[in-house]
Amino acid sequence: MGIAGPVQSPTFTLVNEHAVLQRGLVLYHVDLYRLGDRAEVLDLGLAELLGAPHAVCAVEWGERAQEVAPAEHLRLDLAVTGARRRRLRFRAGGPRHAELLAALREELGAAA
């Protein structure tokens, strides 16, 4: 996205905000690992972040926020399959993200 500097997990702050000035966007990097219940997720204001038209939201432990996730979203599940191996699974919610996922698959296929 063109973000200068490291993008670290916001484990203790819960939400890190990174400006992407050349695109007029904001990346909200959210980590829900430390939240224990539904009320804490709702109190965080995540629904507003997820619905912001100027933002990209990356949510770790996103299964804890399923009820506030918008219909239009792209979900990425990461699984450890070995000491140096990971499996990525992408799932699109809604037609716009289905198109984005199809374009990503095409791009990855062309790069292979």
N, C-alpha and C. Protein backbone atom coordinates (compact mmCIF):
# COMPACT_ATOMS: atom_id res chain seq x y z
N MET A 1 0.81 -1.20 0.00
CA MET A 1 0.00 0.00 0.00
C MET A 1 0.85 1.26 0.00
N GLY A 2 2.15 1.11 0.05
CA GLY A 2 3.02 2.27 0.05
C GLY A 2 3.24 2.88 1.41
N ILE A 3 3.05 2.12 2.46
CA ILE A 3 3.25 2.62 3.81
C ILE A 3 4.74 2.60 4.12
N ALA A 4 5.26 3.74 4.57
CA ALA A 4 6.66 3.82 4.94
C ALA A 4 6.83 3.33 6.37
N GLY A 5 7.81 2.51 6.60
CA GLY A 5 8.08 2.03 7.94
C GLY A 5 7.39 0.71 8.23
N PRO A 6 7.69 0.14 9.39
CA PRO A 6 7.14 -1.17 9.74
C PRO A 6 5.65 -1.10 10.10
N VAL A 7 4.96 -2.18 9.79
CA VAL A 7 3.57 -2.35 10.19
C VAL A 7 3.57 -3.51 11.18
N GLN A 8 3.45 -3.17 12.46
CA GLN A 8 3.54 -4.19 13.51
C GLN A 8 2.15 -4.50 14.06
N SER A 9 2.02 -5.69 14.59
CA SER A 9 0.75 -6.11 15.18
C SER A 9 0.41 -5.22 16.37
N PRO A 10 -0.83 -4.74 16.43
CA PRO A 10 -1.25 -3.86 17.54
C PRO A 10 -1.77 -4.65 18.74
N THR A 11 -1.05 -5.65 19.18
CA THR A 11 -1.51 -6.55 20.23
C THR A 11 -1.96 -5.82 21.49
N PHE A 12 -1.21 -4.83 21.93
CA PHE A 12 -1.56 -4.16 23.18
C PHE A 12 -2.36 -2.88 22.96
N THR A 13 -2.22 -2.25 21.80
CA THR A 13 -2.97 -1.03 21.52
C THR A 13 -4.31 -1.34 20.86
N LEU A 14 -4.50 -2.53 20.36
CA LEU A 14 -5.69 -3.04 19.68
C LEU A 14 -5.85 -2.53 18.25
N VAL A 15 -5.60 -1.23 18.01
CA VAL A 15 -5.75 -0.68 16.66
C VAL A 15 -4.57 0.23 16.36
N ASN A 16 -3.90 -0.01 15.24
CA ASN A 16 -2.89 0.90 14.72
C ASN A 16 -3.42 1.51 13.45
N GLU A 17 -3.16 2.79 13.28
CA GLU A 17 -3.61 3.52 12.09
C GLU A 17 -2.39 3.95 11.29
N HIS A 18 -2.42 3.67 9.99
CA HIS A 18 -1.32 4.03 9.10
C HIS A 18 -1.89 4.81 7.92
N ALA A 19 -1.42 6.02 7.72
CA ALA A 19 -1.89 6.83 6.60
C ALA A 19 -1.19 6.42 5.32
N VAL A 20 -1.95 6.36 4.26
CA VAL A 20 -1.42 6.10 2.92
C VAL A 20 -1.73 7.37 2.12
N LEU A 21 -0.88 8.36 2.27
CA LEU A 21 -1.17 9.70 1.79
C LEU A 21 -1.37 9.78 0.28
N GLN A 22 -0.56 9.08 -0.49
CA GLN A 22 -0.67 9.21 -1.93
C GLN A 22 -1.97 8.63 -2.49
N ARG A 23 -2.66 7.83 -1.71
CA ARG A 23 -3.92 7.25 -2.15
C ARG A 23 -5.12 7.78 -1.38
N GLY A 24 -4.89 8.61 -0.39
CA GLY A 24 -5.97 9.15 0.41
C GLY A 24 -6.67 8.10 1.26
N LEU A 25 -5.95 7.04 1.61
CA LEU A 25 -6.51 5.94 2.40
C LEU A 25 -5.86 5.87 3.77
N VAL A 26 -6.50 5.10 4.62
CA VAL A 26 -5.95 4.77 5.92
C VAL A 26 -6.01 3.25 6.06
N LEU A 27 -4.93 2.68 6.59
CA LEU A 27 -4.93 1.26 6.95
C LEU A 27 -5.16 1.18 8.44
N TYR A 28 -6.24 0.51 8.83
CA TYR A 28 -6.49 0.21 10.24
C TYR A 28 -6.08 -1.24 10.45
N HIS A 29 -5.08 -1.46 11.27
CA HIS A 29 -4.60 -2.81 11.59
C HIS A 29 -5.10 -3.10 13.00
N VAL A 30 -5.99 -4.07 13.10
CA VAL A 30 -6.70 -4.37 14.34
C VAL A 30 -6.31 -5.76 14.82
N ASP A 31 -6.08 -5.90 16.11
CA ASP A 31 -5.79 -7.22 16.69
C ASP A 31 -6.79 -7.45 17.83
N LEU A 32 -7.67 -8.44 17.65
CA LEU A 32 -8.73 -8.72 18.62
C LEU A 32 -8.36 -9.83 19.60
N TYR A 33 -7.12 -10.29 19.57
CA TYR A 33 -6.71 -11.42 20.39
C TYR A 33 -7.01 -11.20 21.88
N ARG A 34 -6.75 -10.02 22.38
CA ARG A 34 -6.88 -9.75 23.83
C ARG A 34 -8.31 -9.48 24.26
N LEU A 35 -9.24 -9.36 23.31
CA LEU A 35 -10.63 -9.08 23.69
C LEU A 35 -11.33 -10.37 24.06
N GLY A 36 -12.05 -10.33 25.16
CA GLY A 36 -12.64 -11.55 25.71
C GLY A 36 -14.07 -11.81 25.33
N ASP A 37 -14.85 -10.77 25.01
CA ASP A 37 -16.26 -11.03 24.73
C ASP A 37 -16.81 -10.05 23.70
N ARG A 38 -18.04 -10.30 23.32
CA ARG A 38 -18.72 -9.52 22.28
C ARG A 38 -18.79 -8.04 22.64
N ALA A 39 -19.05 -7.72 23.90
CA ALA A 39 -19.18 -6.33 24.33
C ALA A 39 -17.88 -5.55 24.09
N GLU A 40 -16.75 -6.18 24.35
CA GLU A 40 -15.47 -5.51 24.13
C GLU A 40 -15.25 -5.21 22.66
N VAL A 41 -15.64 -6.13 21.79
CA VAL A 41 -15.52 -5.90 20.34
C VAL A 41 -16.41 -4.74 19.93
N LEU A 42 -17.63 -4.71 20.42
CA LEU A 42 -18.56 -3.63 20.08
C LEU A 42 -18.07 -2.30 20.63
N ASP A 43 -17.52 -2.28 21.85
CA ASP A 43 -17.01 -1.05 22.45
C ASP A 43 -15.81 -0.47 21.70
N LEU A 44 -15.11 -1.31 20.99
CA LEU A 44 -13.93 -0.85 20.24
C LEU A 44 -14.32 0.06 19.09
N GLY A 45 -15.57 0.01 18.63
CA GLY A 45 -16.00 0.82 17.50
C GLY A 45 -15.59 0.23 16.16
N LEU A 46 -15.40 -1.06 16.15
CA LEU A 46 -14.93 -1.74 14.94
C LEU A 46 -15.89 -1.60 13.77
N ALA A 47 -17.18 -1.58 14.02
CA ALA A 47 -18.16 -1.46 12.93
C ALA A 47 -17.92 -0.18 12.13
N GLU A 48 -17.58 0.91 12.82
CA GLU A 48 -17.32 2.18 12.13
C GLU A 48 -16.04 2.11 11.31
N LEU A 49 -15.02 1.45 11.84
CA LEU A 49 -13.77 1.31 11.07
C LEU A 49 -13.99 0.46 9.83
N LEU A 50 -14.71 -0.65 10.00
CA LEU A 50 -14.93 -1.56 8.88
C LEU A 50 -15.79 -0.93 7.79
N GLY A 51 -16.62 0.03 8.16
CA GLY A 51 -17.50 0.66 7.18
C GLY A 51 -16.95 1.94 6.60
N ALA A 52 -15.76 2.34 7.00
CA ALA A 52 -15.20 3.61 6.53
C ALA A 52 -14.80 3.52 5.06
N PRO A 53 -15.33 4.40 4.22
CA PRO A 53 -15.04 4.31 2.77
C PRO A 53 -13.60 4.65 2.40
N HIS A 54 -12.89 5.34 3.27
CA HIS A 54 -11.51 5.76 3.00
C HIS A 54 -10.49 4.81 3.61
N ALA A 55 -10.93 3.62 4.05
CA ALA A 55 -10.04 2.78 4.84
C ALA A 55 -9.97 1.35 4.32
N VAL A 56 -8.83 0.75 4.61
CA VAL A 56 -8.64 -0.69 4.47
C VAL A 56 -8.43 -1.18 5.90
N CYS A 57 -9.16 -2.21 6.29
CA CYS A 57 -9.05 -2.74 7.64
C CYS A 57 -8.51 -4.17 7.58
N ALA A 58 -7.42 -4.40 8.29
CA ALA A 58 -6.86 -5.74 8.44
C ALA A 58 -7.10 -6.14 9.89
N VAL A 59 -7.85 -7.22 10.09
CA VAL A 59 -8.27 -7.61 11.44
C VAL A 59 -7.70 -8.99 11.76
N GLU A 60 -6.83 -9.04 12.76
CA GLU A 60 -6.35 -10.32 13.27
C GLU A 60 -7.38 -10.86 14.25
N TRP A 61 -7.57 -12.16 14.25
CA TRP A 61 -8.58 -12.81 15.08
C TRP A 61 -9.96 -12.29 14.70
N GLY A 62 -10.18 -12.14 13.40
CA GLY A 62 -11.41 -11.58 12.87
C GLY A 62 -12.66 -12.38 13.19
N GLU A 63 -12.51 -13.66 13.49
CA GLU A 63 -13.69 -14.46 13.84
C GLU A 63 -14.40 -13.90 15.07
N ARG A 64 -13.71 -13.10 15.85
CA ARG A 64 -14.32 -12.48 17.04
C ARG A 64 -15.18 -11.28 16.69
N ALA A 65 -15.16 -10.88 15.43
CA ALA A 65 -15.93 -9.71 14.99
C ALA A 65 -16.88 -10.03 13.86
N GLN A 66 -17.23 -11.28 13.70
CA GLN A 66 -18.07 -11.67 12.56
C GLN A 66 -19.39 -10.92 12.51
N GLU A 67 -19.98 -10.64 13.66
CA GLU A 67 -21.29 -10.01 13.64
C GLU A 67 -21.25 -8.54 13.23
N VAL A 68 -20.08 -7.90 13.28
CA VAL A 68 -19.99 -6.51 12.83
C VAL A 68 -19.32 -6.39 11.47
N ALA A 69 -18.91 -7.50 10.89
CA ALA A 69 -18.26 -7.47 9.58
C ALA A 69 -19.29 -7.08 8.51
N PRO A 70 -18.91 -6.19 7.60
CA PRO A 70 -19.83 -5.82 6.53
C PRO A 70 -20.01 -6.97 5.55
N ALA A 71 -21.10 -6.94 4.81
CA ALA A 71 -21.35 -7.99 3.81
C ALA A 71 -20.23 -8.01 2.78
N GLU A 72 -19.73 -6.84 2.42
CA GLU A 72 -18.62 -6.73 1.48
C GLU A 72 -17.31 -6.79 2.26
N HIS A 73 -16.57 -7.88 2.08
CA HIS A 73 -15.28 -8.02 2.77
C HIS A 73 -14.46 -9.10 2.08
N LEU A 74 -13.20 -9.12 2.39
CA LEU A 74 -12.30 -10.18 1.94
C LEU A 74 -11.68 -10.80 3.17
N ARG A 75 -11.88 -12.09 3.33
CA ARG A 75 -11.34 -12.79 4.50
C ARG A 75 -10.13 -13.61 4.08
N LEU A 76 -9.10 -13.54 4.89
CA LEU A 76 -7.88 -14.31 4.67
C LEU A 76 -7.64 -15.15 5.91
N ASP A 77 -7.63 -16.46 5.75
CA ASP A 77 -7.30 -17.37 6.85
C ASP A 77 -5.88 -17.86 6.62
N LEU A 78 -5.07 -17.78 7.65
CA LEU A 78 -3.67 -18.19 7.59
C LEU A 78 -3.49 -19.39 8.51
N ALA A 79 -2.93 -20.45 7.98
CA ALA A 79 -2.70 -21.66 8.77
C ALA A 79 -1.22 -22.05 8.67
N VAL A 80 -0.66 -22.42 9.79
CA VAL A 80 0.72 -22.91 9.83
C VAL A 80 0.69 -24.38 9.43
N THR A 81 1.44 -24.72 8.39
CA THR A 81 1.46 -26.10 7.90
C THR A 81 2.83 -26.75 8.05
N GLY A 82 3.78 -26.02 8.57
CA GLY A 82 5.13 -26.53 8.78
C GLY A 82 6.00 -25.44 9.37
N ALA A 83 7.23 -25.77 9.67
CA ALA A 83 8.13 -24.82 10.29
C ALA A 83 8.30 -23.55 9.45
N ARG A 84 8.30 -23.69 8.15
CA ARG A 84 8.47 -22.55 7.26
C ARG A 84 7.39 -22.50 6.18
N ARG A 85 6.25 -23.09 6.49
CA ARG A 85 5.18 -23.15 5.48
C ARG A 85 3.88 -22.61 6.07
N ARG A 86 3.14 -21.90 5.21
CA ARG A 86 1.84 -21.36 5.58
C ARG A 86 0.87 -21.63 4.44
N ARG A 87 -0.39 -21.79 4.80
CA ARG A 87 -1.43 -21.94 3.79
C ARG A 87 -2.36 -20.73 3.93
N LEU A 88 -2.62 -20.08 2.82
CA LEU A 88 -3.53 -18.94 2.79
C LEU A 88 -4.83 -19.36 2.12
N ARG A 89 -5.94 -18.97 2.72
CA ARG A 89 -7.25 -19.23 2.12
C ARG A 89 -8.01 -17.91 2.09
N PHE A 90 -8.40 -17.51 0.89
CA PHE A 90 -9.13 -16.26 0.70
C PHE A 90 -10.60 -16.58 0.46
N ARG A 91 -11.47 -15.77 1.08
CA ARG A 91 -12.90 -15.90 0.85
C ARG A 91 -13.49 -14.50 0.68
N ALA A 92 -14.27 -14.36 -0.38
CA ALA A 92 -14.88 -13.06 -0.67
C ALA A 92 -16.30 -13.02 -0.16
N GLY A 93 -16.65 -11.91 0.45
CA GLY A 93 -18.02 -11.63 0.84
C GLY A 93 -18.54 -10.51 -0.05
N GLY A 94 -19.47 -10.79 -0.89
CA GLY A 94 -20.05 -9.78 -1.77
C GLY A 94 -19.40 -9.74 -3.13
N PRO A 95 -20.12 -9.20 -4.12
CA PRO A 95 -19.65 -9.21 -5.51
C PRO A 95 -18.39 -8.38 -5.77
N ARG A 96 -18.25 -7.23 -5.10
CA ARG A 96 -17.06 -6.41 -5.33
C ARG A 96 -15.80 -7.14 -4.91
N HIS A 97 -15.85 -7.80 -3.76
CA HIS A 97 -14.66 -8.51 -3.29
C HIS A 97 -14.46 -9.82 -4.04
N ALA A 98 -15.51 -10.39 -4.58
CA ALA A 98 -15.35 -11.56 -5.45
C ALA A 98 -14.57 -11.16 -6.71
N GLU A 99 -14.85 -9.97 -7.23
CA GLU A 99 -14.10 -9.47 -8.39
C GLU A 99 -12.63 -9.21 -8.03
N LEU A 100 -12.40 -8.61 -6.86
CA LEU A 100 -11.03 -8.36 -6.42
C LEU A 100 -10.27 -9.67 -6.24
N LEU A 101 -10.93 -10.67 -5.68
CA LEU A 101 -10.29 -11.97 -5.48
C LEU A 101 -9.99 -12.65 -6.81
N ALA A 102 -10.89 -12.54 -7.77
CA ALA A 102 -10.65 -13.11 -9.10
C ALA A 102 -9.46 -12.42 -9.76
N ALA A 103 -9.35 -11.11 -9.60
CA ALA A 103 -8.21 -10.38 -10.17
C ALA A 103 -6.91 -10.79 -9.49
N LEU A 104 -6.95 -11.00 -8.19
CA LEU A 104 -5.76 -11.46 -7.47
C LEU A 104 -5.33 -12.84 -7.96
N ARG A 105 -6.29 -13.74 -8.11
CA ARG A 105 -5.96 -15.08 -8.61
C ARG A 105 -5.36 -15.01 -10.01
N GLU A 106 -5.92 -14.14 -10.85
CA GLU A 106 -5.38 -13.99 -12.20
C GLU A 106 -3.95 -13.46 -12.15
N GLU A 107 -3.73 -12.47 -11.32
CA GLU A 107 -2.39 -11.89 -11.17
C GLU A 107 -1.39 -12.92 -10.67
N LEU A 108 -1.79 -13.69 -9.66
CA LEU A 108 -0.90 -14.73 -9.12
C LEU A 108 -0.64 -15.81 -10.16
N GLY A 109 -1.64 -16.16 -10.94
CA GLY A 109 -1.46 -17.15 -11.99
C GLY A 109 -0.50 -16.67 -13.07
N ALA A 110 -0.57 -15.40 -13.39
CA ALA A 110 0.33 -14.82 -14.40
C ALA A 110 1.75 -14.75 -13.88
N ALA A 111 1.92 -14.61 -12.57
CA ALA A 111 3.26 -14.50 -11.99
C ALA A 111 3.93 -15.86 -11.85
N ALA A 112 3.14 -16.93 -11.88
CA ALA A 112 3.70 -18.27 -11.67
C ALA A 112 4.44 -18.80 -12.87
